Amino acid sequence: MKHKGRAWKFGTNIDTDAIIPARYLNVTDPKELAQHCMENENPQFLKEVREGDMIVAETNFGCGSSREHAPIAIKAKGISCVIAKSYARIFYRNAFNIGLPIIESDEAVHGIQDGHKLEVDLEKGEIKNETTGQIFKANPIPPFMQKIIDDGGLIEHITKRSC
């Protein structure tokens, strides 16, 4: 599956509290969570992000608590993919569980700036920076995990398989 969108660049150690502040942990509606996604990291993000845009981050994205609110808020905000050098393991698992595509690529993170237009091919593990023309490699998402994403997350995937 291919995703196209604009890059929103973030730094190192973006924790789950930065993604969705703890004061919203009593909120269960994904649309309401989306209204506060990354609000303390970049206020422009909330105002200007568009459906299909992508988050690009340095190392250890999603560190901190194990809350699923963080990937839910990102997905509900319309982010089509997250590209980072590395992820906190629990965030990595939670992202796939809720159907949020995430990929790792050191070289892409270095070659992408805020606002660059990107195209990501998850199956090939290819990230094209349409602004600069550069093409970066990432580990492709294994087919069984891609199926979980395509189905909308782990629960939806299991539901479809058991019907």
N, C-alpha and C. Protein backbone atom coordinates (compact mmCIF):
# COMPACT_ATOMS: atom_id res chain seq x y z
N MET A 1 0.84 -1.18 0.00
CA MET A 1 0.00 0.00 0.00
C MET A 1 0.89 1.25 0.00
N LYS A 2 0.47 2.25 -0.77
CA LYS A 2 1.22 3.50 -0.84
C LYS A 2 0.48 4.61 -0.10
N HIS A 3 1.27 5.47 0.52
CA HIS A 3 0.75 6.63 1.23
C HIS A 3 1.45 7.86 0.70
N LYS A 4 0.70 8.95 0.54
CA LYS A 4 1.27 10.23 0.10
C LYS A 4 0.86 11.31 1.08
N GLY A 5 1.81 12.17 1.40
CA GLY A 5 1.49 13.27 2.30
C GLY A 5 2.70 14.13 2.59
N ARG A 6 2.46 15.13 3.38
CA ARG A 6 3.50 16.09 3.77
C ARG A 6 4.14 15.65 5.08
N ALA A 7 5.43 15.91 5.22
CA ALA A 7 6.18 15.52 6.43
C ALA A 7 6.05 16.56 7.53
N TRP A 8 5.88 16.05 8.74
CA TRP A 8 5.93 16.84 9.97
C TRP A 8 7.06 16.28 10.78
N LYS A 9 8.13 17.03 10.95
CA LYS A 9 9.36 16.54 11.56
C LYS A 9 9.38 16.81 13.06
N PHE A 10 9.75 15.78 13.82
CA PHE A 10 9.87 15.87 15.26
C PHE A 10 11.22 15.29 15.68
N GLY A 11 11.61 15.56 16.90
CA GLY A 11 12.94 15.19 17.39
C GLY A 11 13.04 13.82 18.03
N THR A 12 13.96 13.73 18.98
CA THR A 12 14.28 12.50 19.69
C THR A 12 13.44 12.38 20.95
N ASN A 13 13.16 11.14 21.33
CA ASN A 13 12.46 10.83 22.59
C ASN A 13 11.12 11.53 22.72
N ILE A 14 10.34 11.54 21.66
CA ILE A 14 8.98 12.07 21.73
C ILE A 14 8.16 11.02 22.48
N ASP A 15 7.79 11.36 23.72
CA ASP A 15 7.10 10.36 24.53
C ASP A 15 5.59 10.43 24.35
N THR A 16 4.91 9.46 24.92
CA THR A 16 3.46 9.37 24.74
C THR A 16 2.75 10.58 25.35
N ASP A 17 3.33 11.19 26.36
CA ASP A 17 2.72 12.39 26.95
C ASP A 17 2.86 13.58 26.01
N ALA A 18 3.89 13.60 25.18
CA ALA A 18 4.03 14.65 24.18
C ALA A 18 3.05 14.42 23.02
N ILE A 19 2.81 13.17 22.71
CA ILE A 19 1.88 12.84 21.63
C ILE A 19 0.45 13.18 22.04
N ILE A 20 0.05 12.73 23.22
CA ILE A 20 -1.26 13.06 23.77
C ILE A 20 -1.10 13.29 25.26
N PRO A 21 -1.19 14.54 25.70
CA PRO A 21 -0.97 14.86 27.12
C PRO A 21 -1.84 14.03 28.06
N ALA A 22 -1.28 13.70 29.22
CA ALA A 22 -1.93 12.82 30.20
C ALA A 22 -3.29 13.35 30.64
N ARG A 23 -3.50 14.65 30.58
CA ARG A 23 -4.79 15.19 31.04
C ARG A 23 -5.96 14.72 30.16
N TYR A 24 -5.66 14.10 29.01
CA TYR A 24 -6.72 13.61 28.12
C TYR A 24 -6.89 12.08 28.21
N LEU A 25 -6.26 11.46 29.18
CA LEU A 25 -6.33 10.00 29.28
C LEU A 25 -7.72 9.48 29.65
N ASN A 26 -8.58 10.34 30.15
CA ASN A 26 -9.95 9.91 30.45
C ASN A 26 -10.85 10.00 29.21
N VAL A 27 -10.31 10.49 28.10
CA VAL A 27 -11.06 10.61 26.85
C VAL A 27 -10.95 9.30 26.09
N THR A 28 -12.08 8.83 25.59
CA THR A 28 -12.07 7.57 24.81
C THR A 28 -12.42 7.78 23.34
N ASP A 29 -12.93 8.95 23.00
CA ASP A 29 -13.32 9.23 21.62
C ASP A 29 -12.08 9.60 20.80
N PRO A 30 -11.74 8.79 19.78
CA PRO A 30 -10.55 9.08 18.96
C PRO A 30 -10.57 10.48 18.33
N LYS A 31 -11.73 10.96 17.92
CA LYS A 31 -11.80 12.29 17.31
C LYS A 31 -11.43 13.39 18.31
N GLU A 32 -11.85 13.21 19.55
CA GLU A 32 -11.49 14.19 20.57
C GLU A 32 -10.00 14.10 20.90
N LEU A 33 -9.45 12.89 20.97
CA LEU A 33 -8.01 12.74 21.19
C LEU A 33 -7.22 13.43 20.08
N ALA A 34 -7.70 13.29 18.84
CA ALA A 34 -7.01 13.89 17.69
C ALA A 34 -6.90 15.40 17.82
N GLN A 35 -7.84 16.03 18.50
CA GLN A 35 -7.83 17.48 18.66
C GLN A 35 -6.68 17.97 19.55
N HIS A 36 -6.01 17.03 20.22
CA HIS A 36 -4.92 17.41 21.13
C HIS A 36 -3.58 16.73 20.77
N CYS A 37 -3.57 16.03 19.66
CA CYS A 37 -2.37 15.30 19.24
C CYS A 37 -1.21 16.26 18.97
N MET A 38 -0.10 16.07 19.66
CA MET A 38 1.13 16.84 19.50
C MET A 38 0.95 18.33 19.81
N GLU A 39 -0.08 18.68 20.58
CA GLU A 39 -0.38 20.10 20.81
C GLU A 39 0.74 20.84 21.52
N ASN A 40 1.48 20.18 22.37
CA ASN A 40 2.57 20.85 23.08
C ASN A 40 3.89 20.80 22.32
N GLU A 41 4.01 19.91 21.36
CA GLU A 41 5.24 19.78 20.57
C GLU A 41 5.28 20.76 19.41
N ASN A 42 4.14 20.97 18.77
CA ASN A 42 4.07 21.87 17.63
C ASN A 42 2.63 22.34 17.45
N PRO A 43 2.28 23.51 17.97
CA PRO A 43 0.91 24.00 17.86
C PRO A 43 0.43 24.14 16.41
N GLN A 44 1.35 24.38 15.47
CA GLN A 44 0.97 24.50 14.05
C GLN A 44 0.47 23.16 13.51
N PHE A 45 0.98 22.08 14.05
CA PHE A 45 0.57 20.74 13.62
C PHE A 45 -0.95 20.61 13.72
N LEU A 46 -1.51 20.99 14.84
CA LEU A 46 -2.96 20.88 15.04
C LEU A 46 -3.75 21.70 14.03
N LYS A 47 -3.23 22.86 13.67
CA LYS A 47 -3.94 23.77 12.79
C LYS A 47 -3.78 23.40 11.31
N GLU A 48 -2.63 22.84 10.95
CA GLU A 48 -2.30 22.71 9.53
C GLU A 48 -2.19 21.28 9.00
N VAL A 49 -2.16 20.28 9.88
CA VAL A 49 -2.02 18.91 9.40
C VAL A 49 -3.23 18.54 8.55
N ARG A 50 -2.95 17.76 7.50
CA ARG A 50 -4.01 17.32 6.59
C ARG A 50 -4.05 15.80 6.56
N GLU A 51 -5.20 15.29 6.21
CA GLU A 51 -5.39 13.84 6.05
C GLU A 51 -4.30 13.31 5.11
N GLY A 52 -3.60 12.26 5.54
CA GLY A 52 -2.56 11.65 4.74
C GLY A 52 -1.16 12.12 5.08
N ASP A 53 -1.02 13.22 5.81
CA ASP A 53 0.32 13.69 6.19
C ASP A 53 1.02 12.64 7.04
N MET A 54 2.34 12.81 7.20
CA MET A 54 3.16 11.83 7.92
C MET A 54 4.00 12.50 8.99
N ILE A 55 4.22 11.77 10.05
CA ILE A 55 5.15 12.20 11.09
C ILE A 55 6.49 11.56 10.80
N VAL A 56 7.56 12.36 10.88
CA VAL A 56 8.93 11.89 10.73
C VAL A 56 9.65 12.27 12.01
N ALA A 57 10.28 11.29 12.67
CA ALA A 57 10.90 11.57 13.97
C ALA A 57 12.25 10.88 14.09
N GLU A 58 13.01 11.34 15.03
CA GLU A 58 14.33 10.77 15.30
C GLU A 58 14.18 9.43 16.04
N THR A 59 14.98 9.21 17.07
CA THR A 59 14.98 7.93 17.78
C THR A 59 13.99 7.89 18.93
N ASN A 60 13.58 6.67 19.27
CA ASN A 60 12.78 6.37 20.46
C ASN A 60 11.42 7.05 20.45
N PHE A 61 10.79 7.11 19.29
CA PHE A 61 9.47 7.72 19.18
C PHE A 61 8.45 6.88 19.95
N GLY A 62 7.61 7.54 20.75
CA GLY A 62 6.57 6.85 21.49
C GLY A 62 7.03 6.24 22.81
N CYS A 63 8.16 6.72 23.34
CA CYS A 63 8.64 6.21 24.62
C CYS A 63 7.72 6.69 25.74
N GLY A 64 7.94 6.18 26.92
CA GLY A 64 7.12 6.59 28.06
C GLY A 64 6.14 5.51 28.44
N SER A 65 4.92 5.91 28.70
CA SER A 65 3.92 4.95 29.17
C SER A 65 3.43 4.06 28.02
N SER A 66 2.70 3.03 28.41
CA SER A 66 2.23 2.06 27.42
C SER A 66 0.84 2.41 26.87
N ARG A 67 0.40 3.61 27.09
CA ARG A 67 -0.97 3.97 26.68
C ARG A 67 -1.19 3.86 25.18
N GLU A 68 -2.32 3.27 24.81
CA GLU A 68 -2.71 3.18 23.40
C GLU A 68 -3.25 4.51 22.89
N HIS A 69 -3.53 5.43 23.79
CA HIS A 69 -4.07 6.73 23.38
C HIS A 69 -3.16 7.41 22.35
N ALA A 70 -1.85 7.22 22.47
CA ALA A 70 -0.91 7.91 21.58
C ALA A 70 -1.08 7.50 20.12
N PRO A 71 -0.97 6.22 19.76
CA PRO A 71 -1.18 5.89 18.35
C PRO A 71 -2.62 6.12 17.89
N ILE A 72 -3.58 5.98 18.80
CA ILE A 72 -4.97 6.26 18.43
C ILE A 72 -5.13 7.72 18.04
N ALA A 73 -4.55 8.63 18.82
CA ALA A 73 -4.64 10.07 18.52
C ALA A 73 -3.98 10.39 17.18
N ILE A 74 -2.82 9.78 16.93
CA ILE A 74 -2.11 10.01 15.66
C ILE A 74 -2.95 9.54 14.48
N LYS A 75 -3.47 8.33 14.57
CA LYS A 75 -4.28 7.79 13.48
C LYS A 75 -5.55 8.60 13.28
N ALA A 76 -6.22 8.96 14.37
CA ALA A 76 -7.46 9.74 14.28
C ALA A 76 -7.21 11.14 13.71
N LYS A 77 -6.00 11.66 13.88
CA LYS A 77 -5.65 12.97 13.33
C LYS A 77 -5.49 12.91 11.80
N GLY A 78 -5.44 11.69 11.26
CA GLY A 78 -5.33 11.53 9.80
C GLY A 78 -3.93 11.23 9.32
N ILE A 79 -3.00 11.03 10.24
CA ILE A 79 -1.62 10.69 9.85
C ILE A 79 -1.64 9.31 9.19
N SER A 80 -1.08 9.23 7.99
CA SER A 80 -1.13 7.97 7.24
C SER A 80 0.02 7.04 7.56
N CYS A 81 1.12 7.58 8.10
CA CYS A 81 2.31 6.77 8.36
C CYS A 81 3.25 7.55 9.27
N VAL A 82 3.98 6.83 10.11
CA VAL A 82 5.03 7.44 10.92
C VAL A 82 6.35 6.82 10.49
N ILE A 83 7.34 7.67 10.25
CA ILE A 83 8.68 7.24 9.88
C ILE A 83 9.61 7.71 10.98
N ALA A 84 10.40 6.80 11.53
CA ALA A 84 11.34 7.18 12.59
C ALA A 84 12.58 6.30 12.50
N LYS A 85 13.63 6.75 13.17
CA LYS A 85 14.84 5.92 13.27
C LYS A 85 14.57 4.71 14.14
N SER A 86 13.80 4.91 15.23
CA SER A 86 13.45 3.80 16.11
C SER A 86 12.23 4.18 16.94
N TYR A 87 11.60 3.16 17.49
CA TYR A 87 10.38 3.33 18.30
C TYR A 87 10.57 2.63 19.63
N ALA A 88 9.86 3.14 20.63
CA ALA A 88 9.74 2.38 21.87
C ALA A 88 8.94 1.13 21.52
N ARG A 89 9.36 -0.01 22.04
CA ARG A 89 8.74 -1.29 21.66
C ARG A 89 7.25 -1.35 21.93
N ILE A 90 6.78 -0.81 23.04
CA ILE A 90 5.35 -0.88 23.34
C ILE A 90 4.56 0.00 22.36
N PHE A 91 5.11 1.15 21.98
CA PHE A 91 4.44 2.00 20.99
C PHE A 91 4.38 1.26 19.65
N TYR A 92 5.48 0.61 19.29
CA TYR A 92 5.54 -0.15 18.03
C TYR A 92 4.40 -1.16 17.98
N ARG A 93 4.25 -1.92 19.05
CA ARG A 93 3.20 -2.95 19.11
C ARG A 93 1.81 -2.31 19.10
N ASN A 94 1.63 -1.27 19.90
CA ASN A 94 0.32 -0.59 19.95
C ASN A 94 -0.07 -0.01 18.59
N ALA A 95 0.90 0.53 17.86
CA ALA A 95 0.60 1.10 16.55
C ALA A 95 0.03 0.03 15.61
N PHE A 96 0.67 -1.10 15.56
CA PHE A 96 0.15 -2.18 14.70
C PHE A 96 -1.19 -2.68 15.22
N ASN A 97 -1.34 -2.76 16.54
CA ASN A 97 -2.61 -3.23 17.11
C ASN A 97 -3.79 -2.37 16.69
N ILE A 98 -3.57 -1.08 16.48
CA ILE A 98 -4.68 -0.21 16.10
C ILE A 98 -4.66 0.13 14.60
N GLY A 99 -3.72 -0.43 13.86
CA GLY A 99 -3.68 -0.27 12.41
C GLY A 99 -2.99 0.99 11.92
N LEU A 100 -2.03 1.51 12.69
CA LEU A 100 -1.25 2.68 12.28
C LEU A 100 0.07 2.22 11.66
N PRO A 101 0.29 2.47 10.37
CA PRO A 101 1.55 2.06 9.75
C PRO A 101 2.74 2.86 10.27
N ILE A 102 3.79 2.15 10.68
CA ILE A 102 5.02 2.79 11.11
C ILE A 102 6.19 2.04 10.49
N ILE A 103 7.22 2.79 10.09
CA ILE A 103 8.41 2.17 9.51
C ILE A 103 9.66 2.84 10.07
N GLU A 104 10.76 2.10 10.00
CA GLU A 104 12.04 2.60 10.51
C GLU A 104 13.01 2.82 9.35
N SER A 105 13.66 3.98 9.35
CA SER A 105 14.67 4.27 8.35
C SER A 105 15.54 5.44 8.81
N ASP A 106 16.80 5.15 9.14
CA ASP A 106 17.74 6.21 9.52
C ASP A 106 17.94 7.20 8.39
N GLU A 107 18.19 6.66 7.19
CA GLU A 107 18.54 7.53 6.06
C GLU A 107 17.37 8.44 5.67
N ALA A 108 16.15 7.95 5.74
CA ALA A 108 15.00 8.78 5.39
C ALA A 108 14.85 9.94 6.37
N VAL A 109 15.00 9.65 7.66
CA VAL A 109 14.85 10.70 8.67
C VAL A 109 15.87 11.81 8.42
N HIS A 110 17.09 11.45 8.04
CA HIS A 110 18.12 12.46 7.75
C HIS A 110 17.81 13.25 6.49
N GLY A 111 17.15 12.62 5.52
CA GLY A 111 16.92 13.26 4.22
C GLY A 111 15.57 13.94 4.07
N ILE A 112 14.79 14.00 5.14
CA ILE A 112 13.47 14.61 5.07
C ILE A 112 13.41 15.81 6.01
N GLN A 113 12.85 16.88 5.52
CA GLN A 113 12.64 18.09 6.33
C GLN A 113 11.15 18.38 6.45
N ASP A 114 10.80 19.20 7.41
CA ASP A 114 9.42 19.64 7.59
C ASP A 114 8.84 20.13 6.27
N GLY A 115 7.67 19.67 5.93
CA GLY A 115 6.98 20.16 4.73
C GLY A 115 7.30 19.42 3.45
N HIS A 116 8.33 18.57 3.44
CA HIS A 116 8.62 17.80 2.24
C HIS A 116 7.44 16.91 1.90
N LYS A 117 7.22 16.71 0.61
CA LYS A 117 6.15 15.82 0.15
C LYS A 117 6.73 14.42 -0.02
N LEU A 118 6.03 13.43 0.55
CA LEU A 118 6.53 12.07 0.59
C LEU A 118 5.55 11.09 -0.04
N GLU A 119 6.11 10.00 -0.54
CA GLU A 119 5.33 8.83 -0.95
C GLU A 119 5.98 7.62 -0.32
N VAL A 120 5.21 6.84 0.42
CA VAL A 120 5.73 5.67 1.11
C VAL A 120 5.05 4.42 0.56
N ASP A 121 5.86 3.47 0.14
CA ASP A 121 5.37 2.17 -0.29
C ASP A 121 5.73 1.18 0.80
N LEU A 122 4.75 0.80 1.60
CA LEU A 122 4.99 -0.06 2.75
C LEU A 122 5.45 -1.45 2.33
N GLU A 123 4.90 -1.98 1.26
CA GLU A 123 5.25 -3.33 0.83
C GLU A 123 6.70 -3.42 0.35
N LYS A 124 7.15 -2.42 -0.37
CA LYS A 124 8.53 -2.40 -0.87
C LYS A 124 9.52 -1.89 0.17
N GLY A 125 9.01 -1.19 1.16
CA GLY A 125 9.90 -0.55 2.12
C GLY A 125 10.65 0.60 1.47
N GLU A 126 9.92 1.41 0.72
CA GLU A 126 10.53 2.50 -0.03
C GLU A 126 9.85 3.82 0.33
N ILE A 127 10.68 4.82 0.58
CA ILE A 127 10.20 6.16 0.91
C ILE A 127 10.76 7.11 -0.13
N LYS A 128 9.89 7.74 -0.88
CA LYS A 128 10.33 8.70 -1.89
C LYS A 128 10.04 10.11 -1.39
N ASN A 129 11.09 10.92 -1.35
CA ASN A 129 10.94 12.32 -1.03
C ASN A 129 10.66 13.03 -2.35
N GLU A 130 9.40 13.33 -2.61
CA GLU A 130 9.02 13.94 -3.88
C GLU A 130 9.54 15.37 -4.01
N THR A 131 9.88 16.00 -2.90
CA THR A 131 10.42 17.36 -2.92
C THR A 131 11.85 17.35 -3.45
N THR A 132 12.66 16.38 -3.02
CA THR A 132 14.08 16.35 -3.42
C THR A 132 14.38 15.29 -4.48
N GLY A 133 13.47 14.34 -4.66
CA GLY A 133 13.70 13.25 -5.60
C GLY A 133 14.46 12.06 -5.01
N GLN A 134 14.88 12.18 -3.76
CA GLN A 134 15.62 11.09 -3.11
C GLN A 134 14.69 9.90 -2.81
N ILE A 135 15.26 8.70 -2.88
CA ILE A 135 14.54 7.49 -2.52
C ILE A 135 15.31 6.80 -1.40
N PHE A 136 14.61 6.46 -0.34
CA PHE A 136 15.21 5.84 0.83
C PHE A 136 14.63 4.45 1.03
N LYS A 137 15.44 3.60 1.64
CA LYS A 137 15.00 2.24 1.96
C LYS A 137 14.63 2.15 3.43
N ALA A 138 13.66 1.31 3.68
CA ALA A 138 13.25 0.95 5.03
C ALA A 138 12.93 -0.54 5.00
N ASN A 139 12.87 -1.14 6.15
CA ASN A 139 12.45 -2.54 6.17
C ASN A 139 10.98 -2.60 5.79
N PRO A 140 10.65 -3.40 4.77
CA PRO A 140 9.23 -3.51 4.43
C PRO A 140 8.45 -4.15 5.58
N ILE A 141 7.19 -3.82 5.66
CA ILE A 141 6.34 -4.41 6.68
C ILE A 141 6.00 -5.83 6.21
N PRO A 142 6.25 -6.84 7.05
CA PRO A 142 5.95 -8.22 6.65
C PRO A 142 4.48 -8.37 6.25
N PRO A 143 4.20 -9.24 5.29
CA PRO A 143 2.82 -9.39 4.79
C PRO A 143 1.77 -9.63 5.87
N PHE A 144 2.08 -10.45 6.89
CA PHE A 144 1.07 -10.72 7.91
C PHE A 144 0.77 -9.46 8.73
N MET A 145 1.78 -8.60 8.94
CA MET A 145 1.55 -7.35 9.67
C MET A 145 0.85 -6.32 8.77
N GLN A 146 1.16 -6.35 7.48
CA GLN A 146 0.49 -5.46 6.53
C GLN A 146 -1.00 -5.79 6.49
N LYS A 147 -1.34 -7.07 6.59
CA LYS A 147 -2.74 -7.49 6.60
C LYS A 147 -3.46 -6.92 7.83
N ILE A 148 -2.79 -6.92 8.97
CA ILE A 148 -3.37 -6.35 10.19
C ILE A 148 -3.66 -4.86 9.97
N ILE A 149 -2.71 -4.14 9.37
CA ILE A 149 -2.90 -2.71 9.08
C ILE A 149 -4.06 -2.54 8.10
N ASP A 150 -4.06 -3.32 7.02
CA ASP A 150 -5.11 -3.20 6.01
C ASP A 150 -6.50 -3.45 6.59
N ASP A 151 -6.57 -4.35 7.57
CA ASP A 151 -7.85 -4.67 8.21
C ASP A 151 -8.27 -3.63 9.24
N GLY A 152 -7.38 -2.69 9.57
CA GLY A 152 -7.73 -1.63 10.51
C GLY A 152 -7.25 -1.86 11.92
N GLY A 153 -6.45 -2.89 12.13
CA GLY A 153 -5.92 -3.19 13.46
C GLY A 153 -6.14 -4.64 13.83
N LEU A 154 -5.58 -5.03 14.96
CA LEU A 154 -5.59 -6.44 15.38
C LEU A 154 -6.99 -6.96 15.65
N ILE A 155 -7.81 -6.22 16.37
CA ILE A 155 -9.17 -6.68 16.69
C ILE A 155 -9.97 -6.89 15.41
N GLU A 156 -9.92 -5.91 14.51
CA GLU A 156 -10.64 -6.03 13.23
C GLU A 156 -10.11 -7.20 12.42
N HIS A 157 -8.80 -7.40 12.44
CA HIS A 157 -8.18 -8.51 11.72
C HIS A 157 -8.68 -9.85 12.25
N ILE A 158 -8.69 -10.00 13.57
CA ILE A 158 -9.16 -11.25 14.17
C ILE A 158 -10.65 -11.47 13.88
N THR A 159 -11.41 -10.39 13.95
CA THR A 159 -12.85 -10.48 13.67
C THR A 159 -13.09 -10.95 12.24
N LYS A 160 -12.35 -10.41 11.29
CA LYS A 160 -12.51 -10.80 9.87
C LYS A 160 -12.12 -12.25 9.65
N ARG A 161 -11.09 -12.70 10.35
CA ARG A 161 -10.61 -14.08 10.17
C ARG A 161 -11.56 -15.10 10.80
N SER A 162 -12.30 -14.69 11.83
CA SER A 162 -13.16 -15.66 12.52
C SER A 162 -14.57 -15.71 11.95
N CYS A 163 -14.88 -14.84 11.00
CA CYS A 163 -16.24 -14.82 10.41
C CYS A 163 -16.40 -15.87 9.34
